[in-house]
C-alpha cells in the first residue's frame, strides 16, 4: 500500500495559518533523529561538539555560522563528504538556515542531505521539508512531506513543533487500521538515522 492510499478525500479548503516556531536550531531533535558520527572513519567525530556549538551560537550571525560549518565540510575529503559525517554537517547547515528562515538555503541543504545513502524516510528531514513547503505555500508537497514524517515516526516527530502541522496532516490521512495516530508507533526508519 503506497503513501497516497492513506489519503482522505476532502472538499474542505485548506486555510492558511501562520507557522509558530522557535528561532533557534534544534540540536536535541537533530541528535534524536540523526546519528552522531562516532568513528574515525567519519572524520568529524572529534568535531561534533564544535559543529553543535557553531549551530546554536547566537553570538555569530547566520552567515558566519553557515560559513564556519562549511569550512568543516570543505575540510573533508571527497570520500568523507559522502559519509554520515558529511551528512551530519549538511543537516546542521540546513537547520541553521531553517531556524533563521533562509528558506532557499534551507531547502537546498535539506534536499542535498536527502541524497545521502539510506536517508530518504528519515522523519526529521521529511518534517523540515514539510515545514519549508508550508512556508512557501506549496501545499501538495507540504502534505506529502509531513505525511511521510507522521507515517515514519508517528506523533513523536511533531513534539515541540507547531500543533497546526500535525492537525493539517491528520485531516488528509486516514487513521491507521489498528488504532489511532496517538497509538501508532511508526515504521522502522532506523537505517535512515
Protein backbone atom coordinates (compact mmCIF):
# COMPACT_ATOMS: atom_id res chain seq x y z
CA UNK A 1 0.00 0.00 0.00
CA UNK A 2 1.52 3.32 -1.04
CA UNK A 3 1.60 6.62 0.80
CA UNK A 4 -1.30 8.04 -1.15
CA UNK A 5 -3.55 5.10 -0.29
CA UNK A 6 -3.81 6.71 3.15
CA UNK A 7 -5.18 9.98 1.81
CA UNK A 8 -8.72 11.04 2.60
CA UNK A 9 -10.75 12.83 0.03
CA UNK A 10 -11.74 16.24 1.30
CA UNK A 11 -13.52 19.14 -0.32
CA UNK A 12 -12.54 21.46 2.52
CA UNK A 13 -10.29 24.31 1.57
CA UNK A 14 -7.04 24.41 3.48
CA UNK A 15 -6.76 27.58 5.48
CA UNK A 16 -3.50 29.47 5.54
CA UNK A 17 -2.19 29.66 9.07
CA UNK A 18 0.95 31.20 10.47
CA UNK A 19 3.60 28.66 11.44
CA UNK A 20 4.79 29.02 15.01
CA UNK A 21 8.38 28.10 15.62
CA UNK A 22 11.30 28.88 17.80
CA UNK A 23 14.02 30.87 16.08
CA UNK A 24 16.82 28.60 17.16
CA UNK A 25 18.30 25.46 15.77
CA UNK A 26 17.03 22.32 17.50
CA UNK A 27 20.18 20.30 18.27
CA UNK A 28 18.29 17.93 20.58
CA UNK A 29 15.90 16.98 17.78
CA UNK A 30 18.77 16.52 15.32
CA UNK A 31 20.51 14.17 17.78
CA UNK A 32 17.29 12.25 18.29
CA UNK A 33 16.81 11.60 14.57
CA UNK A 34 20.34 11.76 13.11
CA UNK A 35 23.20 9.51 14.27
CA UNK A 36 26.21 11.30 15.63
CA UNK A 37 29.29 10.11 13.77
CA UNK A 38 31.45 8.32 16.31
CA UNK A 39 34.11 6.61 14.30
CA UNK A 40 37.35 8.00 12.98
CA UNK A 41 36.20 6.80 9.56
CA UNK A 42 33.54 9.51 9.67
CA UNK A 43 36.36 12.02 10.12
CA UNK A 44 34.31 14.52 12.11
CA UNK A 45 33.89 12.52 15.30
CA UNK A 46 36.24 14.92 17.07
CA UNK A 47 34.36 17.94 15.67
CA UNK A 48 30.79 17.05 16.69
CA UNK A 49 30.80 19.35 19.72
CA UNK A 50 32.18 22.20 17.59
CA UNK A 51 29.50 21.61 14.94
CA UNK A 52 26.75 21.67 17.57
CA UNK A 53 28.16 24.77 19.26
CA UNK A 54 28.53 26.70 16.00
CA UNK A 55 24.97 25.77 15.04
CA UNK A 56 23.44 27.32 18.16
CA UNK A 57 25.92 30.18 18.69
CA UNK A 58 23.73 33.30 18.63
CA UNK A 59 26.83 35.50 19.06
CA UNK A 60 27.55 34.74 15.41
CA UNK A 61 25.20 35.90 12.68
CA UNK A 62 23.65 33.26 10.46
CA UNK A 63 26.10 33.80 7.61
CA UNK A 64 29.07 33.34 9.94
CA UNK A 65 27.61 30.13 11.38
CA UNK A 66 26.97 28.73 7.93
CA UNK A 67 30.48 29.70 6.79
CA UNK A 68 32.08 28.04 9.85
CA UNK A 69 30.11 24.85 9.21
CA UNK A 70 31.02 24.96 5.52
CA UNK A 71 34.71 25.18 6.47
CA UNK A 72 34.33 21.94 8.40
CA UNK A 73 32.52 20.32 5.49
CA UNK A 74 35.07 21.56 2.96
CA UNK A 75 37.91 20.21 5.12
CA UNK A 76 36.64 16.69 4.41
CA UNK A 77 37.94 14.66 1.51
CA UNK A 78 35.51 13.95 -1.32
CA UNK A 79 35.00 10.42 0.03
CA UNK A 80 34.41 11.72 3.57
CA UNK A 81 31.87 14.24 2.32
CA UNK A 82 29.72 11.31 1.17
CA UNK A 83 29.67 9.68 4.62
CA UNK A 84 27.29 10.14 7.54
CA UNK A 85 29.82 12.67 8.83
CA UNK A 86 29.35 14.85 5.75
CA UNK A 87 25.60 14.49 6.06
CA UNK A 88 25.78 15.49 9.72
CA UNK A 89 27.42 18.81 8.82
CA UNK A 90 24.98 19.49 5.96
CA UNK A 91 21.98 18.87 8.22
CA UNK A 92 23.36 21.37 10.73
CA UNK A 93 23.81 23.96 7.98
CA UNK A 94 20.24 23.30 6.89
CA UNK A 95 18.95 23.64 10.45
CA UNK A 96 20.72 27.00 10.91
CA UNK A 97 19.15 28.23 7.67
CA UNK A 98 15.73 26.87 8.67
CA UNK A 99 15.81 28.47 12.11
CA UNK A 100 16.72 31.84 10.59
CA UNK A 101 14.17 31.50 7.76
CA UNK A 102 16.75 31.42 4.99
CA UNK A 103 14.21 29.36 3.10
CA UNK A 104 16.04 28.77 -0.17
CA UNK A 105 19.29 27.78 1.55
CA UNK A 106 17.43 25.54 3.98
CA UNK A 107 15.67 23.82 1.06
CA UNK A 108 18.95 23.35 -0.79
CA UNK A 109 20.70 21.80 2.19
CA UNK A 110 17.85 19.58 3.41
CA UNK A 111 17.31 18.34 -0.16
CA UNK A 112 21.05 17.72 -0.50
CA UNK A 113 21.02 15.75 2.76
CA UNK A 114 18.22 13.57 1.36
CA UNK A 115 20.56 12.43 -1.41
CA UNK A 116 22.90 10.64 1.02
CA UNK A 117 22.68 6.86 1.11
CA UNK A 118 19.88 5.49 3.32
CA UNK A 119 18.46 8.91 4.18
CA UNK A 120 15.06 9.02 2.43
CA UNK A 121 12.49 8.11 5.05
CA UNK A 122 14.13 9.99 7.91
CA UNK A 123 11.21 11.60 9.76
CA UNK A 124 13.18 14.69 10.84
CA UNK A 125 14.20 15.55 7.29
CA UNK A 126 10.67 14.98 5.98
CA UNK A 127 9.33 17.18 8.79
CA UNK A 128 11.68 20.04 7.93
CA UNK A 129 10.96 19.76 4.21
CA UNK A 130 7.24 19.79 5.00
CA UNK A 131 7.65 22.91 7.12
CA UNK A 132 9.64 24.63 4.38
CA UNK A 133 6.99 23.76 1.81
CA UNK A 134 4.42 25.20 4.19
CA UNK A 135 6.36 28.45 4.34
CA UNK A 136 6.42 28.75 0.54
CA UNK A 137 2.77 27.64 0.35
CA UNK A 138 3.40 24.51 -1.70
CA UNK A 139 0.55 22.62 -0.05
CA UNK A 140 0.77 19.40 -2.08
CA UNK A 141 4.46 18.93 -1.31
CA UNK A 142 3.90 20.06 2.30
CA UNK A 143 1.22 17.40 2.81
CA UNK A 144 3.43 14.78 1.16
CA UNK A 145 6.47 15.53 3.33
CA UNK A 146 4.54 15.94 6.60
CA UNK A 147 2.62 12.73 5.86
CA UNK A 148 5.91 10.89 5.38
CA UNK A 149 7.15 12.24 8.72
CA UNK A 150 3.99 11.07 10.51
CA UNK A 151 3.93 7.68 8.78
CA UNK A 152 7.60 7.02 9.58
CA UNK A 153 7.62 8.08 13.25
CA UNK A 154 4.07 8.71 14.38
CA UNK A 155 3.17 11.70 16.53
CA UNK A 156 6.54 11.99 18.38
CA UNK A 157 8.19 13.72 15.40
CA UNK A 158 5.76 16.62 15.87
CA UNK A 159 6.65 17.13 19.54
CA UNK A 160 7.76 20.72 20.17
CA UNK A 161 6.52 21.78 16.73
CA UNK A 162 3.55 23.96 15.87
CA UNK A 163 0.49 21.77 16.64
CA UNK A 164 -1.18 23.00 13.46
CA UNK A 165 1.23 20.86 11.42
CA UNK A 166 0.05 17.50 12.72
CA UNK A 167 -3.58 18.61 12.57
CA UNK A 168 -3.17 19.52 8.88
CA UNK A 169 -1.73 16.08 8.18
CA UNK A 170 -4.38 14.24 10.17
CA UNK A 171 -7.08 15.97 8.12
CA UNK A 172 -5.79 14.38 4.92
CA UNK A 173 -4.63 10.95 6.16
CA UNK A 174 -6.85 8.10 7.25
CA UNK A 175 -6.35 6.78 10.77
CA UNK A 176 -4.20 3.63 10.95
CA UNK A 177 -6.25 0.45 10.58
CA UNK A 178 -5.46 -0.87 14.05
CA UNK A 179 -5.90 2.24 16.17
CA UNK A 180 -5.38 5.97 16.20
CA UNK A 181 -2.42 8.18 15.33
CA UNK A 182 -1.78 8.59 19.07
CA UNK A 183 -1.23 4.82 19.34
CA UNK A 184 0.70 4.49 16.08
CA UNK A 185 4.41 3.72 16.54
CA UNK A 186 5.56 4.49 13.02
CA UNK A 187 7.72 2.45 10.68
CA UNK A 188 11.26 1.12 11.14
CA UNK A 189 13.33 4.07 10.00
CA UNK A 190 16.49 3.23 11.97
CA UNK A 191 18.58 2.77 8.81
CA UNK A 192 17.90 6.41 7.90
CA UNK A 193 19.24 7.70 11.20
